[in-house]
Amino acid sequence: MSKLIIKNESEKISSINRTIRIKPDCFEKLMELSEKHGISFNKVVNQCIEYALDNLEE
Protein backbone atom coordinates (compact mmCIF):
# COMPACT_ATOMS: atom_id res chain seq x y z
CA MET A 1 0.00 0.00 0.00
CA SER A 2 1.32 3.44 -0.86
CA LYS A 3 1.84 6.09 1.80
CA LEU A 4 -0.55 8.98 2.26
CA ILE A 5 0.86 12.21 0.83
CA ILE A 6 -0.82 15.39 2.08
CA LYS A 7 -1.53 17.66 -0.88
CA ASN A 8 -1.61 21.43 -0.61
CA GLU A 9 -4.24 22.06 -3.26
CA SER A 10 -6.48 25.09 -3.46
CA GLU A 11 -9.19 23.06 -5.19
CA LYS A 12 -12.67 23.95 -4.00
CA ILE A 13 -14.92 20.94 -3.52
CA SER A 14 -18.59 20.61 -2.78
CA SER A 15 -19.22 19.32 0.70
CA ILE A 16 -21.79 18.17 3.19
CA ASN A 17 -21.75 19.50 6.75
CA ARG A 18 -21.66 16.76 9.37
CA THR A 19 -20.52 16.75 12.98
CA ILE A 20 -18.15 13.96 14.03
CA ARG A 21 -16.29 13.14 17.22
CA ILE A 22 -12.54 12.61 17.03
CA LYS A 23 -10.34 11.13 19.74
CA PRO A 24 -8.01 13.75 21.27
CA ASP A 25 -4.82 12.02 20.08
CA CYS A 26 -6.12 11.80 16.50
CA PHE A 27 -7.20 15.44 16.65
CA GLU A 28 -3.70 16.52 17.72
CA LYS A 29 -2.05 14.55 14.89
CA LEU A 30 -4.48 16.01 12.34
CA MET A 31 -3.85 19.54 13.65
CA GLU A 32 -0.08 19.01 13.41
CA LEU A 33 -0.43 17.88 9.79
CA SER A 34 -2.64 20.86 9.02
CA GLU A 35 -0.11 23.31 10.44
CA LYS A 36 2.90 21.54 8.93
CA HIS A 37 1.44 21.60 5.41
CA GLY A 38 -0.31 24.97 5.67
CA ILE A 39 -3.75 23.64 4.81
CA SER A 40 -7.02 23.53 6.66
CA PHE A 41 -7.87 20.88 9.20
CA ASN A 42 -10.86 19.98 7.03
CA LYS A 43 -8.69 19.30 3.97
CA VAL A 44 -6.37 17.05 5.98
CA VAL A 45 -9.34 15.07 7.35
CA ASN A 46 -10.85 14.70 3.87
CA GLN A 47 -7.56 13.51 2.39
CA CYS A 48 -7.18 10.96 5.18
CA ILE A 49 -10.72 9.68 4.67
CA GLU A 50 -10.28 9.44 0.88
CA TYR A 51 -7.00 7.57 1.32
CA ALA A 52 -8.54 5.14 3.81
CA LEU A 53 -11.52 4.45 1.58
CA ASP A 54 -9.35 3.99 -1.52
CA ASN A 55 -7.14 1.51 0.33
CA LEU A 56 -9.84 -0.34 2.23
CA GLU A 57 -9.59 -4.10 1.95
CA GLU A 58 -13.01 -5.71 2.03
PDB file of N, CA and C in Angstrom:
ATOM      1  N   MET A   1       0.841  -1.167   0.000  1.00  0.00           N
ATOM      2  CA  MET A   1       0.000   0.000   0.000  1.00  0.00           C
ATOM      3  C   MET A   1       0.895   1.241   0.000  1.00  0.00           C
ATOM      4  N   SER A   2       0.542   2.207  -0.803  1.00  0.00           N
ATOM      5  CA  SER A   2       1.323   3.441  -0.863  1.00  0.00           C
ATOM      6  C   SER A   2       1.055   4.310   0.362  1.00  0.00           C
ATOM      7  N   LYS A   3       1.990   5.196   0.662  1.00  0.00           N
ATOM      8  CA  LYS A   3       1.844   6.095   1.802  1.00  0.00           C
ATOM      9  C   LYS A   3       0.925   7.254   1.437  1.00  0.00           C
ATOM     10  N   LEU A   4       0.288   7.801   2.434  1.00  0.00           N
ATOM     11  CA  LEU A   4      -0.547   8.982   2.256  1.00  0.00           C
ATOM     12  C   LEU A   4       0.354  10.194   2.096  1.00  0.00           C
ATOM     13  N   ILE A   5       0.128  10.971   1.055  1.00  0.00           N
ATOM     14  CA  ILE A   5       0.859  12.213   0.828  1.00  0.00           C
ATOM     15  C   ILE A   5      -0.143  13.355   0.936  1.00  0.00           C
ATOM     16  N   ILE A   6       0.070  14.246   1.897  1.00  0.00           N
ATOM     17  CA  ILE A   6      -0.815  15.387   2.084  1.00  0.00           C
ATOM     18  C   ILE A   6      -0.568  16.379   0.962  1.00  0.00           C
ATOM     19  N   LYS A   7      -1.636  16.743   0.251  1.00  0.00           N
ATOM     20  CA  LYS A   7      -1.525  17.656  -0.879  1.00  0.00           C
ATOM     21  C   LYS A   7      -2.002  19.038  -0.466  1.00  0.00           C
ATOM     22  N   ASN A   8      -1.259  20.044  -0.898  1.00  0.00           N
ATOM     23  CA  ASN A   8      -1.609  21.433  -0.613  1.00  0.00           C
ATOM     24  C   ASN A   8      -2.272  22.013  -1.853  1.00  0.00           C
ATOM     25  N   GLU A   9      -3.515  21.610  -2.079  1.00  0.00           N
ATOM     26  CA  GLU A   9      -4.245  22.062  -3.263  1.00  0.00           C
ATOM     27  C   GLU A   9      -5.275  23.112  -2.864  1.00  0.00           C
ATOM     28  N   SER A  10      -5.493  24.058  -3.740  1.00  0.00           N
ATOM     29  CA  SER A  10      -6.482  25.089  -3.459  1.00  0.00           C
ATOM     30  C   SER A  10      -7.814  24.766  -4.131  1.00  0.00           C
ATOM     31  N   GLU A  11      -7.977  23.526  -4.526  1.00  0.00           N
ATOM     32  CA  GLU A  11      -9.189  23.065  -5.187  1.00  0.00           C
ATOM     33  C   GLU A  11     -10.390  23.197  -4.261  1.00  0.00           C
ATOM     34  N   LYS A  12     -11.443  23.794  -4.776  1.00  0.00           N
ATOM     35  CA  LYS A  12     -12.670  23.946  -3.998  1.00  0.00           C
ATOM     36  C   LYS A  12     -13.580  22.757  -4.325  1.00  0.00           C
ATOM     37  N   ILE A  13     -14.057  22.088  -3.299  1.00  0.00           N
ATOM     38  CA  ILE A  13     -14.916  20.938  -3.521  1.00  0.00           C
ATOM     39  C   ILE A  13     -16.264  21.162  -2.865  1.00  0.00           C
ATOM     40  N   SER A  14     -17.291  20.532  -3.431  1.00  0.00           N
ATOM     41  CA  SER A  14     -18.594  20.614  -2.780  1.00  0.00           C
ATOM     42  C   SER A  14     -18.540  19.736  -1.538  1.00  0.00           C
ATOM     43  N   SER A  15     -19.317  20.059  -0.562  1.00  0.00           N
ATOM     44  CA  SER A  15     -19.222  19.316   0.696  1.00  0.00           C
ATOM     45  C   SER A  15     -20.578  19.225   1.379  1.00  0.00           C
ATOM     46  N   ILE A  16     -20.612  18.357   2.352  1.00  0.00           N
ATOM     47  CA  ILE A  16     -21.790  18.172   3.194  1.00  0.00           C
ATOM     48  C   ILE A  16     -21.346  18.414   4.635  1.00  0.00           C
ATOM     49  N   ASN A  17     -22.076  19.233   5.341  1.00  0.00           N
ATOM     50  CA  ASN A  17     -21.745  19.495   6.745  1.00  0.00           C
ATOM     51  C   ASN A  17     -22.232  18.344   7.609  1.00  0.00           C
ATOM     52  N   ARG A  18     -21.340  17.874   8.470  1.00  0.00           N
ATOM     53  CA  ARG A  18     -21.665  16.765   9.366  1.00  0.00           C
ATOM     54  C   ARG A  18     -20.770  16.892  10.587  1.00  0.00           C
ATOM     55  N   THR A  19     -21.316  16.695  11.763  1.00  0.00           N
ATOM     56  CA  THR A  19     -20.522  16.753  12.980  1.00  0.00           C
ATOM     57  C   THR A  19     -20.023  15.349  13.314  1.00  0.00           C
ATOM     58  N   ILE A  20     -18.722  15.242  13.614  1.00  0.00           N
ATOM     59  CA  ILE A  20     -18.148  13.956  14.027  1.00  0.00           C
ATOM     60  C   ILE A  20     -17.341  14.163  15.299  1.00  0.00           C
ATOM     61  N   ARG A  21     -17.126  13.082  16.016  1.00  0.00           N
ATOM     62  CA  ARG A  21     -16.293  13.137  17.217  1.00  0.00           C
ATOM     63  C   ARG A  21     -14.962  12.463  16.899  1.00  0.00           C
ATOM     64  N   ILE A  22     -13.883  13.107  17.299  1.00  0.00           N
ATOM     65  CA  ILE A  22     -12.538  12.611  17.025  1.00  0.00           C
ATOM     66  C   ILE A  22     -11.810  12.458  18.358  1.00  0.00           C
ATOM     67  N   LYS A  23     -11.123  11.341  18.520  1.00  0.00           N
ATOM     68  CA  LYS A  23     -10.345  11.131  19.739  1.00  0.00           C
ATOM     69  C   LYS A  23      -9.280  12.218  19.853  1.00  0.00           C
ATOM     70  N   PRO A  24      -8.980  12.664  21.073  1.00  0.00           N
ATOM     71  CA  PRO A  24      -8.010  13.748  21.266  1.00  0.00           C
ATOM     72  C   PRO A  24      -6.653  13.506  20.611  1.00  0.00           C
ATOM     73  N   ASP A  25      -6.128  12.280  20.681  1.00  0.00           N
ATOM     74  CA  ASP A  25      -4.821  12.020  20.082  1.00  0.00           C
ATOM     75  C   ASP A  25      -4.869  12.119  18.561  1.00  0.00           C
ATOM     76  N   CYS A  26      -5.963  11.664  17.959  1.00  0.00           N
ATOM     77  CA  CYS A  26      -6.119  11.797  16.503  1.00  0.00           C
ATOM     78  C   CYS A  26      -6.264  13.268  16.116  1.00  0.00           C
ATOM     79  N   PHE A  27      -7.015  14.011  16.922  1.00  0.00           N
ATOM     80  CA  PHE A  27      -7.200  15.437  16.652  1.00  0.00           C
ATOM     81  C   PHE A  27      -5.859  16.157  16.639  1.00  0.00           C
ATOM     82  N   GLU A  28      -5.015  15.868  17.627  1.00  0.00           N
ATOM     83  CA  GLU A  28      -3.705  16.519  17.719  1.00  0.00           C
ATOM     84  C   GLU A  28      -2.846  16.200  16.494  1.00  0.00           C
ATOM     85  N   LYS A  29      -2.841  14.943  16.066  1.00  0.00           N
ATOM     86  CA  LYS A  29      -2.055  14.554  14.888  1.00  0.00           C
ATOM     87  C   LYS A  29      -2.568  15.252  13.636  1.00  0.00           C
ATOM     88  N   LEU A  30      -3.886  15.339  13.500  1.00  0.00           N
ATOM     89  CA  LEU A  30      -4.479  16.009  12.336  1.00  0.00           C
ATOM     90  C   LEU A  30      -4.147  17.506  12.348  1.00  0.00           C
ATOM     91  N   MET A  31      -4.194  18.123  13.528  1.00  0.00           N
ATOM     92  CA  MET A  31      -3.850  19.543  13.646  1.00  0.00           C
ATOM     93  C   MET A  31      -2.387  19.782  13.291  1.00  0.00           C
ATOM     94  N   GLU A  32      -1.498  18.893  13.738  1.00  0.00           N
ATOM     95  CA  GLU A  32      -0.077  19.015  13.412  1.00  0.00           C
ATOM     96  C   GLU A  32       0.137  18.937  11.902  1.00  0.00           C
ATOM     97  N   LEU A  33      -0.542  17.999  11.245  1.00  0.00           N
ATOM     98  CA  LEU A  33      -0.426  17.881   9.788  1.00  0.00           C
ATOM     99  C   LEU A  33      -0.943  19.135   9.098  1.00  0.00           C
ATOM    100  N   SER A  34      -2.053  19.648   9.588  1.00  0.00           N
ATOM    101  CA  SER A  34      -2.642  20.858   9.020  1.00  0.00           C
ATOM    102  C   SER A  34      -1.663  22.028   9.099  1.00  0.00           C
ATOM    103  N   GLU A  35      -1.062  22.216  10.244  1.00  0.00           N
ATOM    104  CA  GLU A  35      -0.115  23.313  10.437  1.00  0.00           C
ATOM    105  C   GLU A  35       1.167  23.094   9.649  1.00  0.00           C
ATOM    106  N   LYS A  36       1.660  21.867   9.637  1.00  0.00           N
ATOM    107  CA  LYS A  36       2.901  21.540   8.928  1.00  0.00           C
ATOM    108  C   LYS A  36       2.783  21.801   7.429  1.00  0.00           C
ATOM    109  N   HIS A  37       1.623  21.474   6.856  1.00  0.00           N
ATOM    110  CA  HIS A  37       1.444  21.601   5.410  1.00  0.00           C
ATOM    111  C   HIS A  37       0.729  22.884   4.997  1.00  0.00           C
ATOM    112  N   GLY A  38       0.321  23.684   5.972  1.00  0.00           N
ATOM    113  CA  GLY A  38      -0.311  24.967   5.672  1.00  0.00           C
ATOM    114  C   GLY A  38      -1.653  24.836   4.984  1.00  0.00           C
ATOM    115  N   ILE A  39      -2.407  23.806   5.366  1.00  0.00           N
ATOM    116  CA  ILE A  39      -3.751  23.639   4.805  1.00  0.00           C
ATOM    117  C   ILE A  39      -4.741  23.468   5.948  1.00  0.00           C
ATOM    118  N   SER A  40      -6.005  23.593   5.625  1.00  0.00           N
ATOM    119  CA  SER A  40      -7.018  23.535   6.662  1.00  0.00           C
ATOM    120  C   SER A  40      -7.139  22.146   7.271  1.00  0.00           C
ATOM    121  N   PHE A  41      -7.593  22.124   8.497  1.00  0.00           N
ATOM    122  CA  PHE A  41      -7.868  20.880   9.203  1.00  0.00           C
ATOM    123  C   PHE A  41      -8.831  20.030   8.378  1.00  0.00           C
ATOM    124  N   ASN A  42      -9.854  20.672   7.828  1.00  0.00           N
ATOM    125  CA  ASN A  42     -10.859  19.979   7.034  1.00  0.00           C
ATOM    126  C   ASN A  42     -10.241  19.260   5.833  1.00  0.00           C
ATOM    127  N   LYS A  43      -9.319  19.915   5.138  1.00  0.00           N
ATOM    128  CA  LYS A  43      -8.689  19.295   3.970  1.00  0.00           C
ATOM    129  C   LYS A  43      -7.850  18.089   4.369  1.00  0.00           C
ATOM    130  N   VAL A  44      -7.166  18.188   5.505  1.00  0.00           N
ATOM    131  CA  VAL A  44      -6.374  17.052   5.982  1.00  0.00           C
ATOM    132  C   VAL A  44      -7.302  15.876   6.287  1.00  0.00           C
ATOM    133  N   VAL A  45      -8.396  16.139   6.995  1.00  0.00           N
ATOM    134  CA  VAL A  45      -9.336  15.073   7.346  1.00  0.00           C
ATOM    135  C   VAL A  45      -9.903  14.435   6.085  1.00  0.00           C
ATOM    136  N   ASN A  46     -10.299  15.240   5.110  1.00  0.00           N
ATOM    137  CA  ASN A  46     -10.854  14.697   3.866  1.00  0.00           C
ATOM    138  C   ASN A  46      -9.841  13.854   3.107  1.00  0.00           C
ATOM    139  N   GLN A  47      -8.596  14.300   3.071  1.00  0.00           N
ATOM    140  CA  GLN A  47      -7.562  13.513   2.386  1.00  0.00           C
ATOM    141  C   GLN A  47      -7.326  12.186   3.103  1.00  0.00           C
ATOM    142  N   CYS A  48      -7.350  12.202   4.417  1.00  0.00           N
ATOM    143  CA  CYS A  48      -7.176  10.963   5.178  1.00  0.00           C
ATOM    144  C   CYS A  48      -8.341  10.001   4.939  1.00  0.00           C
ATOM    145  N   ILE A  49      -9.543  10.522   4.917  1.00  0.00           N
ATOM    146  CA  ILE A  49     -10.719   9.677   4.671  1.00  0.00           C
ATOM    147  C   ILE A  49     -10.673   9.089   3.265  1.00  0.00           C
ATOM    148  N   GLU A  50     -10.364   9.926   2.263  1.00  0.00           N
ATOM    149  CA  GLU A  50     -10.281   9.436   0.876  1.00  0.00           C
ATOM    150  C   GLU A  50      -9.221   8.345   0.751  1.00  0.00           C
ATOM    151  N   TYR A  51      -8.074   8.562   1.375  1.00  0.00           N
ATOM    152  CA  TYR A  51      -6.996   7.573   1.325  1.00  0.00           C
ATOM    153  C   TYR A  51      -7.447   6.255   1.962  1.00  0.00           C
ATOM    154  N   ALA A  52      -8.073   6.347   3.119  1.00  0.00           N
ATOM    155  CA  ALA A  52      -8.544   5.144   3.814  1.00  0.00           C
ATOM    156  C   ALA A  52      -9.562   4.392   2.980  1.00  0.00           C
ATOM    157  N   LEU A  53     -10.496   5.100   2.390  1.00  0.00           N
ATOM    158  CA  LEU A  53     -11.521   4.450   1.578  1.00  0.00           C
ATOM    159  C   LEU A  53     -10.939   3.825   0.311  1.00  0.00           C
ATOM    160  N   ASP A  54      -9.988   4.525  -0.298  1.00  0.00           N
ATOM    161  CA  ASP A  54      -9.348   3.991  -1.520  1.00  0.00           C
ATOM    162  C   ASP A  54      -8.514   2.751  -1.239  1.00  0.00           C
ATOM    163  N   ASN A  55      -8.011   2.615  -0.018  1.00  0.00           N
ATOM    164  CA  ASN A  55      -7.139   1.511   0.334  1.00  0.00           C
ATOM    165  C   ASN A  55      -7.795   0.491   1.271  1.00  0.00           C
ATOM    166  N   LEU A  56      -9.086   0.565   1.374  1.00  0.00           N
ATOM    167  CA  LEU A  56      -9.837  -0.339   2.233  1.00  0.00           C
ATOM    168  C   LEU A  56      -9.860  -1.739   1.620  1.00  0.00           C
ATOM    169  N   GLU A  57      -9.526  -2.709   2.414  1.00  0.00           N
ATOM    170  CA  GLU A  57      -9.594  -4.096   1.953  1.00  0.00           C
ATOM    171  C   GLU A  57     -10.880  -4.707   2.495  1.00  0.00           C
ATOM    172  N   GLU A  58     -11.719  -5.144   1.604  1.00  0.00           N
ATOM    173  CA  GLU A  58     -13.011  -5.710   2.032  1.00  0.00           C
ATOM    174  C   GLU A  58     -12.978  -7.206   1.988  1.00  0.00           C
TER     175      GLU A  58
END
